[in-house]
Amino acid sequence: MNHTEGIRNSIAVDNHLIADFNTHSRIQNYNGHYWGKFAHLVIGAKDLRARKGKFDTPWQAPVDDMYPMPELRFVDYRLADLFDQRAIELNELAKQSNKKIALMWSGGIDSTAVLVSFLKNLSLADLDNLEIVLSTESIIENFDFYKNFISSKLRCLHLSEFDMCNTTLEKYMLVHGDPGDCVFGPTSPAFRHLFATGRHNFPWRGNLHLISEFFDMDQSINREIGFGTWYVNRASRNLEEVNPENVTTITDWWWWHYFNFKWPTAIVRPFMHLRKDYKAPIDRKHRVDYANYTYFNTDAFQQWSYSNLKNHFKHIDQGKRGIKWEAKKYIFEFDKNDMYANEKIKIASKSPDFELRSLSVSPLYYDQDWIGYHPWEPGVKKAAVDMLESFNG
C-alpha cells in the first residue's frame, strides 16, 4: 500500500505519535519539526484540519464532510430550549431506527448537561431505552448525580465493555458531550494568565504576541522556542481569510481555533480510542448516522455558540462558578446541586482504561473506512517522516 497517499486521504492522523517521532529522531525541516511539536503543545488536539479557509498541514488531508460549519449568523435561541429540543429529537430518531441510546457520561459538565436533557424530557418508558456508558472515574467526578439520578434507575455499561464497531453502531445511537468545550467557550487555560488584567478581551488583531506567549509559558520538556509565533501566525492567517464578524477578541481567537480546526477531531474521539479491532472497517452508513446523532453537531448549537461569544466568559470574575456557566445553570435547574454549580471546573475526564486502550494500540492514521495503520507497519512511519521533511508550512 502507498502510505503517502493513504495519509493524504486519511480520516484522521494521530499527531501525538508524530510528536514521538520528533522526540526520538529530530525532523530537520523546521516546519515539519514545529508540526511535530503541536500535539504536545496545543491543548486537546490530535489532528487539525480547517473546516473553512486555507490551513496547510503536512498531510493535506481533506476535512470529513460529515461535520460542516453552518452559516455563521446571529441567533437568539435559548440554550435550555436547544437542550430540550435535541433530547426529544434524538429520542424520536432512536425509536424510528429501533436503536438503544448509549450515553457516554464522564461526570463532567458537558455530558451531565446532555444527560439532564434526556432525564427532563423523556418518559419513564423511553428512559428504559437509555444506557449510561461510564467508569469508576465518572462516578467519582459527579458522585451526587450518580447516586440521585443514575444508580438503580438507569441501565449502565462500563466503558471497558464498549467497542466502537459496526455491531455496536447497528444497535446503539451513541451520544456524548463532545465538543462541548467549544460550544460553551474555548479552553480557558490558554488565556487564563490574561484574566487579572482583562487582556483576554483585547482585540486579537495587533495582539498575537499575547496569544503566542501561552506556548512560551510551558516550561516542560515539550517547550519549543519559536513555536508559538510560527503556529499562531498560521492560524491567524486562516482567521483573517474567513473573517467571521463576531470573532474580535483574544478569547474569540481561541474559540475559532477550536471551532474551525478541532471540531471534527473532538467528535470522532471514540473512533480513535474505543476500538478493539482497528483493522475492522466501519460502514459509512454508521459513520453518517453517528455524525447526525452527535449531540452538539447541529447548526443551532454552533450558531448559538457563535452568537454568545461575548457571554461565555462574562462571569469569569466569579472564579470556578464562571466556567461553562450556561451549561451549569441548565444542570442546576434540574439537580439543585449548589456545590457542583459553584465549584465544578473543566478537567480532563478520562479513565485509566480509556488511556490504556488509546496509548497501547493507537494507529498513526485512519483511512476512509476508519481502518487504522500503525507506525510499526512497513512504510507507515517512513511516509509520515518524509512528508514532515518536505512540509513547506
Protein backbone atom coordinates (compact mmCIF):
# COMPACT_ATOMS: atom_id res chain seq x y z
CA MET A 1 0.00 0.00 0.00
CA ASN A 2 1.14 3.56 -0.77
CA HIS A 3 1.02 5.06 2.71
CA THR A 4 1.79 8.57 1.46
CA GLU A 5 -1.48 8.57 -0.46
CA GLY A 6 -3.16 6.83 2.45
CA ILE A 7 -2.21 9.64 4.84
CA ARG A 8 -3.21 12.31 2.30
CA ASN A 9 -6.67 10.77 2.03
CA SER A 10 -6.97 9.88 5.69
CA ILE A 11 -9.90 10.49 8.02
CA ALA A 12 -7.55 11.33 10.91
CA VAL A 13 -3.86 11.35 11.81
CA ASP A 14 -2.73 10.85 15.41
CA ASN A 15 -0.21 13.63 15.75
CA HIS A 16 0.73 12.55 19.27
CA LEU A 17 2.61 9.74 17.56
CA ILE A 18 4.16 12.27 15.17
CA ALA A 19 5.35 14.16 18.24
CA ASP A 20 7.00 10.98 19.47
CA PHE A 21 8.81 10.60 16.14
CA ASN A 22 10.04 14.16 16.52
CA THR A 23 11.32 13.48 20.03
CA HIS A 24 13.33 10.39 19.14
CA SER A 25 14.66 11.48 15.73
CA ARG A 26 14.52 15.24 15.21
CA ILE A 27 12.91 16.34 11.93
CA GLN A 28 15.45 18.53 10.12
CA ASN A 29 12.91 20.69 8.24
CA TYR A 30 11.88 23.37 10.77
CA ASN A 31 8.26 23.45 9.51
CA GLY A 32 7.98 19.70 9.94
CA HIS A 33 9.75 19.91 13.29
CA TYR A 34 7.29 22.52 14.58
CA TRP A 35 4.34 20.50 13.30
CA GLY A 36 5.70 17.50 15.14
CA LYS A 37 5.51 19.54 18.35
CA PHE A 38 1.93 20.79 18.14
CA ALA A 39 0.18 17.75 19.63
CA HIS A 40 2.19 18.20 22.86
CA LEU A 41 1.66 21.97 22.96
CA VAL A 42 -1.85 22.61 21.61
CA ILE A 43 -4.48 21.69 24.19
CA GLY A 44 -6.52 18.58 23.40
CA ALA A 45 -5.60 18.23 19.73
CA LYS A 46 -4.69 15.03 17.93
CA ASP A 47 -5.33 16.35 14.43
CA LEU A 48 -6.04 19.79 12.93
CA ARG A 49 -7.97 20.44 9.71
CA ALA A 50 -9.72 23.66 8.72
CA ARG A 51 -13.45 23.44 8.10
CA LYS A 52 -13.28 26.90 6.49
CA GLY A 53 -10.43 28.69 4.76
CA LYS A 54 -6.88 27.65 3.95
CA PHE A 55 -4.68 25.91 6.52
CA ASP A 56 -1.81 23.81 5.25
CA THR A 57 -0.74 20.64 7.02
CA PRO A 58 1.99 18.12 6.14
CA TRP A 59 -0.72 15.69 5.03
CA GLN A 60 -3.10 17.99 3.09
CA ALA A 61 -5.80 15.51 4.05
CA PRO A 62 -9.43 16.52 3.43
CA VAL A 63 -11.91 17.50 6.13
CA ASP A 64 -14.67 14.96 6.61
CA ASP A 65 -17.82 16.40 5.03
CA MET A 66 -19.97 14.97 7.82
CA TYR A 67 -19.02 17.86 10.12
CA PRO A 68 -19.65 21.04 8.10
CA MET A 69 -19.61 24.55 9.53
CA PRO A 70 -23.00 26.26 9.21
CA GLU A 71 -23.58 29.83 8.12
CA LEU A 72 -22.29 31.96 10.99
CA ARG A 73 -25.19 34.23 11.83
CA PHE A 74 -26.61 35.77 14.97
CA VAL A 75 -29.47 33.89 16.65
CA ASP A 76 -31.46 34.49 19.82
CA TYR A 77 -32.03 30.86 20.79
CA ARG A 78 -32.39 29.94 24.46
CA LEU A 79 -29.86 27.31 25.46
CA ALA A 80 -32.39 25.43 27.61
CA ASP A 81 -34.69 25.15 24.60
CA LEU A 82 -31.86 23.76 22.46
CA PHE A 83 -31.09 21.12 25.08
CA ASP A 84 -34.73 20.11 25.46
CA GLN A 85 -35.37 20.00 21.71
CA ARG A 86 -32.24 17.97 20.98
CA ALA A 87 -33.09 15.30 23.55
CA ILE A 88 -36.61 14.96 22.16
CA GLU A 89 -35.30 14.83 18.59
CA LEU A 90 -32.69 12.15 19.31
CA ASN A 91 -35.16 10.07 21.28
CA GLU A 92 -37.55 10.07 18.32
CA LEU A 93 -34.72 9.16 15.94
CA ALA A 94 -33.72 6.28 18.21
CA LYS A 95 -37.24 4.91 18.21
CA GLN A 96 -37.57 5.28 14.43
CA SER A 97 -34.29 3.45 13.88
CA ASN A 98 -35.03 0.84 16.56
CA LYS A 99 -31.82 1.65 18.43
CA LYS A 100 -30.94 1.97 22.07
CA ILE A 101 -29.34 5.22 23.21
CA ALA A 102 -25.84 4.79 24.68
CA LEU A 103 -24.91 7.97 26.50
CA MET A 104 -21.25 8.35 27.40
CA TRP A 105 -21.23 10.07 30.81
CA SER A 106 -17.94 11.23 32.28
CA GLY A 107 -19.42 13.13 35.20
CA GLY A 108 -18.19 16.35 33.60
CA ILE A 109 -20.24 19.43 32.77
CA ASP A 110 -20.94 18.72 29.09
CA SER A 111 -22.04 15.10 29.36
CA THR A 112 -24.02 15.83 32.54
CA ALA A 113 -25.93 18.62 30.77
CA VAL A 114 -26.66 16.21 27.91
CA LEU A 115 -27.90 13.55 30.34
CA VAL A 116 -30.09 16.09 32.14
CA SER A 117 -31.82 16.91 28.86
CA PHE A 118 -32.85 13.27 28.47
CA LEU A 119 -33.92 12.90 32.09
CA LYS A 120 -36.04 16.05 31.81
CA ASN A 121 -37.75 15.27 28.55
CA LEU A 122 -38.14 11.51 28.21
CA SER A 123 -40.91 9.42 29.67
CA LEU A 124 -40.10 6.53 32.01
CA ALA A 125 -40.80 4.14 29.15
CA ASP A 126 -38.36 5.98 26.88
CA LEU A 127 -35.72 6.16 29.61
CA ASP A 128 -35.83 2.37 29.66
CA ASN A 129 -34.17 2.59 26.23
CA LEU A 130 -31.26 4.61 27.63
CA GLU A 131 -27.95 3.07 28.76
CA ILE A 132 -25.23 5.05 30.50
CA VAL A 133 -21.63 4.30 29.47
CA LEU A 134 -19.42 5.19 32.43
CA SER A 135 -16.44 4.27 34.56
CA THR A 136 -15.48 4.42 38.20
CA GLU A 137 -13.89 7.80 37.47
CA SER A 138 -17.24 9.07 36.13
CA ILE A 139 -18.91 8.23 39.43
CA ILE A 140 -16.15 9.88 41.46
CA GLU A 141 -16.29 13.04 39.33
CA ASN A 142 -20.00 13.57 39.99
CA PHE A 143 -20.99 11.17 42.76
CA ASP A 144 -24.11 13.05 43.90
CA PHE A 145 -25.57 12.96 40.41
CA TYR A 146 -24.79 9.27 40.07
CA LYS A 147 -26.38 8.48 43.44
CA ASN A 148 -29.51 10.57 42.87
CA PHE A 149 -30.27 10.05 39.19
CA ILE A 150 -28.38 7.04 37.78
CA SER A 151 -27.80 4.32 40.38
CA SER A 152 -30.64 1.77 40.42
CA LYS A 153 -32.59 3.96 37.99
CA LEU A 154 -30.80 3.62 34.64
CA ARG A 155 -29.02 0.75 32.92
CA CYS A 156 -25.24 1.17 32.97
CA LEU A 157 -22.42 -0.22 30.81
CA HIS A 158 -18.77 0.06 31.85
CA LEU A 159 -16.56 1.93 29.41
CA SER A 160 -14.22 -1.06 29.14
CA GLU A 161 -17.04 -3.13 27.65
CA PHE A 162 -17.80 -0.65 24.89
CA ASP A 163 -16.44 -1.41 21.42
CA MET A 164 -16.77 1.14 18.60
CA CYS A 165 -17.62 -1.21 15.73
CA ASN A 166 -20.35 -1.94 13.20
CA THR A 167 -22.17 -4.29 15.56
CA THR A 168 -22.33 -1.66 18.31
CA LEU A 169 -23.37 1.13 15.95
CA GLU A 170 -26.08 -1.09 14.49
CA LYS A 171 -27.55 -1.50 17.97
CA TYR A 172 -26.85 1.86 19.61
CA MET A 173 -27.20 5.56 18.96
CA LEU A 174 -24.02 6.86 20.62
CA VAL A 175 -24.39 10.22 22.41
CA HIS A 176 -21.64 12.13 24.25
CA GLY A 177 -20.60 15.59 25.42
CA ASP A 178 -18.05 16.48 22.71
CA PRO A 179 -17.40 19.11 21.52
CA GLY A 180 -18.95 20.98 24.46
CA ASP A 181 -15.56 22.57 25.19
CA CYS A 182 -16.13 24.70 22.12
CA VAL A 183 -19.88 25.27 22.43
CA PHE A 184 -19.54 26.83 25.90
CA GLY A 185 -16.32 28.72 25.23
CA PRO A 186 -12.75 27.75 24.40
CA THR A 187 -10.48 26.04 26.90
CA SER A 188 -9.51 28.83 29.28
CA PRO A 189 -6.01 27.70 30.40
CA ALA A 190 -4.67 29.11 27.13
CA PHE A 191 -5.53 32.67 28.20
CA ARG A 192 -6.10 32.39 31.95
CA HIS A 193 -2.89 34.34 32.58
CA LEU A 194 -4.60 37.35 30.96
CA PHE A 195 -7.72 37.38 33.18
CA ALA A 196 -6.33 39.52 36.01
CA THR A 197 -5.54 42.42 33.70
CA GLY A 198 -8.51 41.94 31.37
CA ARG A 199 -6.24 41.45 28.40
CA HIS A 200 -8.20 38.36 27.31
CA ASN A 201 -10.74 40.87 25.97
CA PHE A 202 -8.14 42.74 23.90
CA PRO A 203 -8.60 42.57 20.10
CA TRP A 204 -6.78 39.61 18.64
CA ARG A 205 -5.57 41.75 15.77
CA GLY A 206 -2.43 43.52 16.87
CA ASN A 207 -2.02 41.28 19.92
CA LEU A 208 -0.88 37.97 18.52
CA HIS A 209 2.07 38.08 20.93
CA LEU A 210 -0.40 37.71 23.82
CA ILE A 211 -1.75 34.56 22.17
CA SER A 212 1.59 33.01 21.26
CA GLU A 213 3.10 33.64 24.69
CA PHE A 214 0.91 30.84 26.08
CA PHE A 215 3.13 28.34 24.26
CA ASP A 216 6.29 30.01 25.58
CA MET A 217 4.96 29.76 29.16
CA ASP A 218 5.12 25.96 29.02
CA GLN A 219 8.25 25.11 30.96
CA SER A 220 8.01 21.36 30.35
CA ILE A 221 10.34 19.33 28.19
CA ASN A 222 7.91 19.92 25.31
CA ARG A 223 8.56 23.66 25.20
CA GLU A 224 9.86 24.80 21.82
CA ILE A 225 11.23 28.32 21.30
CA GLY A 226 9.58 29.96 18.30
CA PHE A 227 6.72 27.50 18.01
CA GLY A 228 4.10 29.89 19.40
CA THR A 229 4.81 32.63 16.85
CA TRP A 230 5.01 30.13 13.98
CA TYR A 231 1.76 28.43 14.92
CA VAL A 232 -0.32 31.48 15.88
CA ASN A 233 0.64 33.31 12.69
CA ARG A 234 -0.51 30.37 10.58
CA ALA A 235 -3.83 30.01 12.41
CA SER A 236 -4.38 33.78 12.30
CA ARG A 237 -3.94 33.89 8.52
CA ASN A 238 -6.83 31.45 8.28
CA LEU A 239 -8.97 33.61 10.59
CA GLU A 240 -8.07 36.72 8.61
CA GLU A 241 -9.17 34.97 5.41
CA VAL A 242 -12.56 33.78 6.69
CA ASN A 243 -13.07 36.92 8.81
CA PRO A 244 -16.20 35.98 10.82
CA GLU A 245 -17.86 39.16 12.10
CA ASN A 246 -18.15 38.24 15.77
CA VAL A 247 -14.59 36.92 16.26
CA THR A 248 -12.83 40.01 17.58
CA THR A 249 -11.08 39.32 20.91
CA ILE A 250 -8.30 37.02 22.10
CA THR A 251 -10.86 34.68 23.69
CA ASP A 252 -12.73 34.68 20.38
CA TRP A 253 -9.49 33.73 18.63
CA TRP A 254 -9.20 30.63 20.82
CA TRP A 255 -12.85 29.80 20.18
CA TRP A 256 -12.21 29.94 16.40
CA HIS A 257 -9.12 27.81 16.84
CA TYR A 258 -11.29 25.05 18.30
CA PHE A 259 -14.40 25.68 16.18
CA ASN A 260 -12.62 25.61 12.85
CA PHE A 261 -9.65 23.28 13.39
CA LYS A 262 -10.53 20.90 16.24
CA TRP A 263 -14.31 20.41 15.95
CA PRO A 264 -14.32 17.23 13.78
CA THR A 265 -11.47 15.55 15.67
CA ALA A 266 -13.13 16.15 19.03
CA ILE A 267 -16.28 14.46 17.75
CA VAL A 268 -14.58 11.31 16.46
CA ARG A 269 -12.57 10.54 19.62
CA PRO A 270 -14.49 7.25 20.17
CA PHE A 271 -13.36 6.06 16.73
CA MET A 272 -9.76 6.67 17.81
CA HIS A 273 -9.91 5.34 21.37
CA LEU A 274 -12.71 2.81 21.83
CA ARG A 275 -11.90 0.19 19.20
CA LYS A 276 -10.94 -3.41 19.91
CA ASP A 277 -10.00 -4.11 16.28
CA TYR A 278 -8.55 -1.21 14.30
CA LYS A 279 -8.42 -3.32 11.16
CA ALA A 280 -12.19 -3.79 11.08
CA PRO A 281 -13.75 -1.13 8.82
CA ILE A 282 -16.73 0.92 9.94
CA ASP A 283 -19.51 1.23 7.38
CA ARG A 284 -20.19 4.69 6.00
CA LYS A 285 -23.87 4.42 6.92
CA HIS A 286 -22.94 4.08 10.59
CA ARG A 287 -20.48 6.98 10.33
CA VAL A 288 -23.12 9.22 8.77
CA ASP A 289 -25.61 8.25 11.46
CA TYR A 290 -23.00 8.87 14.15
CA ALA A 291 -22.38 12.40 12.84
CA ASN A 292 -26.11 13.12 12.72
CA TYR A 293 -26.57 11.78 16.26
CA THR A 294 -23.67 13.75 17.75
CA TYR A 295 -25.49 15.90 20.27
CA PHE A 296 -23.81 19.27 19.70
CA ASN A 297 -23.07 18.80 15.98
CA THR A 298 -26.06 20.85 14.85
CA ASP A 299 -26.38 24.22 13.14
CA ALA A 300 -28.39 25.52 16.10
CA PHE A 301 -25.79 24.74 18.77
CA GLN A 302 -22.96 26.08 16.60
CA GLN A 303 -24.82 29.28 15.82
CA TRP A 304 -25.77 29.72 19.49
CA SER A 305 -22.11 29.36 20.45
CA TYR A 306 -21.03 31.90 17.83
CA SER A 307 -23.74 34.36 18.83
CA ASN A 308 -22.78 34.16 22.52
CA LEU A 309 -19.03 34.62 22.23
CA LYS A 310 -19.17 37.74 24.39
CA ASN A 311 -21.18 35.93 27.09
CA HIS A 312 -19.20 32.72 27.59
CA PHE A 313 -16.73 34.40 29.95
CA LYS A 314 -18.80 37.25 31.34
CA HIS A 315 -18.77 35.64 34.81
CA ILE A 316 -15.07 34.85 34.78
CA ASP A 317 -14.55 37.15 37.77
CA GLN A 318 -16.63 34.67 39.79
CA GLY A 319 -13.88 32.08 39.54
CA LYS A 320 -15.00 28.45 39.33
CA ARG A 321 -18.66 29.43 39.04
CA GLY A 322 -17.90 31.24 35.79
CA ILE A 323 -16.60 28.18 33.95
CA LYS A 324 -19.21 26.90 31.46
CA TRP A 325 -21.83 28.75 33.49
CA GLU A 326 -24.53 28.40 30.80
CA ALA A 327 -24.40 24.59 30.91
CA LYS A 328 -24.07 24.51 34.71
CA LYS A 329 -27.17 26.70 35.01
CA TYR A 330 -29.13 24.14 32.98
CA ILE A 331 -27.85 21.32 35.23
CA PHE A 332 -28.56 23.24 38.45
CA GLU A 333 -32.17 23.89 37.46
CA PHE A 334 -32.56 20.10 37.43
CA ASP A 335 -30.37 18.74 40.25
CA LYS A 336 -30.25 21.78 42.62
CA ASN A 337 -26.64 20.89 43.49
CA ASP A 338 -25.06 24.14 44.72
CA MET A 339 -21.65 22.52 45.19
CA TYR A 340 -21.45 21.31 41.59
CA ALA A 341 -22.70 24.63 40.21
CA ASN A 342 -20.28 26.68 42.30
CA GLU A 343 -17.18 24.50 42.39
CA LYS A 344 -17.13 22.25 39.31
CA ILE A 345 -14.44 23.16 36.84
CA LYS A 346 -13.38 21.79 33.50
CA ILE A 347 -11.00 18.84 33.89
CA ALA A 348 -9.84 16.13 31.53
CA SER A 349 -12.48 13.46 32.09
CA LYS A 350 -10.69 10.22 31.31
CA SER A 351 -10.47 6.81 32.84
CA PRO A 352 -7.30 4.71 33.12
CA ASP A 353 -8.88 2.10 30.86
CA PHE A 354 -9.59 4.73 28.20
CA GLU A 355 -5.99 5.94 28.38
CA LEU A 356 -4.56 2.41 28.31
CA ARG A 357 -6.54 1.44 25.22
CA SER A 358 -5.69 4.64 23.35
CA LEU A 359 -1.96 4.62 24.10
CA SER A 360 -1.22 0.93 23.69
CA VAL A 361 -2.77 0.28 20.28
CA SER A 362 -3.28 3.70 18.68
CA PRO A 363 -2.73 3.73 14.89
CA LEU A 364 -0.83 6.55 13.23
CA TYR A 365 -3.56 7.23 10.65
CA TYR A 366 -7.01 6.02 9.62
CA ASP A 367 -8.17 5.57 6.04
CA GLN A 368 -11.57 6.47 4.59
CA ASP A 369 -13.10 3.32 6.10
CA TRP A 370 -11.60 4.03 9.55
CA ILE A 371 -9.10 1.19 9.18
CA GLY A 372 -6.05 2.07 11.27
CA TYR A 373 -2.40 1.76 10.24
CA HIS A 374 0.21 1.53 13.00
CA PRO A 375 3.65 3.15 12.89
CA TRP A 376 5.40 -0.23 13.07
CA GLU A 377 3.75 -1.46 9.87
CA PRO A 378 6.10 -1.42 6.85
CA GLY A 379 6.32 2.02 5.23
CA VAL A 380 3.98 3.88 7.57
CA LYS A 381 6.49 5.80 9.69
CA LYS A 382 8.73 6.50 6.70
CA ALA A 383 5.84 8.03 4.75
CA ALA A 384 4.98 10.34 7.65
CA VAL A 385 8.59 11.41 8.24
CA ASP A 386 9.12 12.09 4.51
CA MET A 387 6.03 14.29 4.44
CA LEU A 388 7.22 16.21 7.50
CA GLU A 389 10.63 16.75 5.94
CA SER A 390 9.05 18.20 2.78
CA PHE A 391 6.38 20.31 4.57
CA ASN A 392 6.62 23.97 3.48
CA GLY A 393 4.38 25.29 6.25
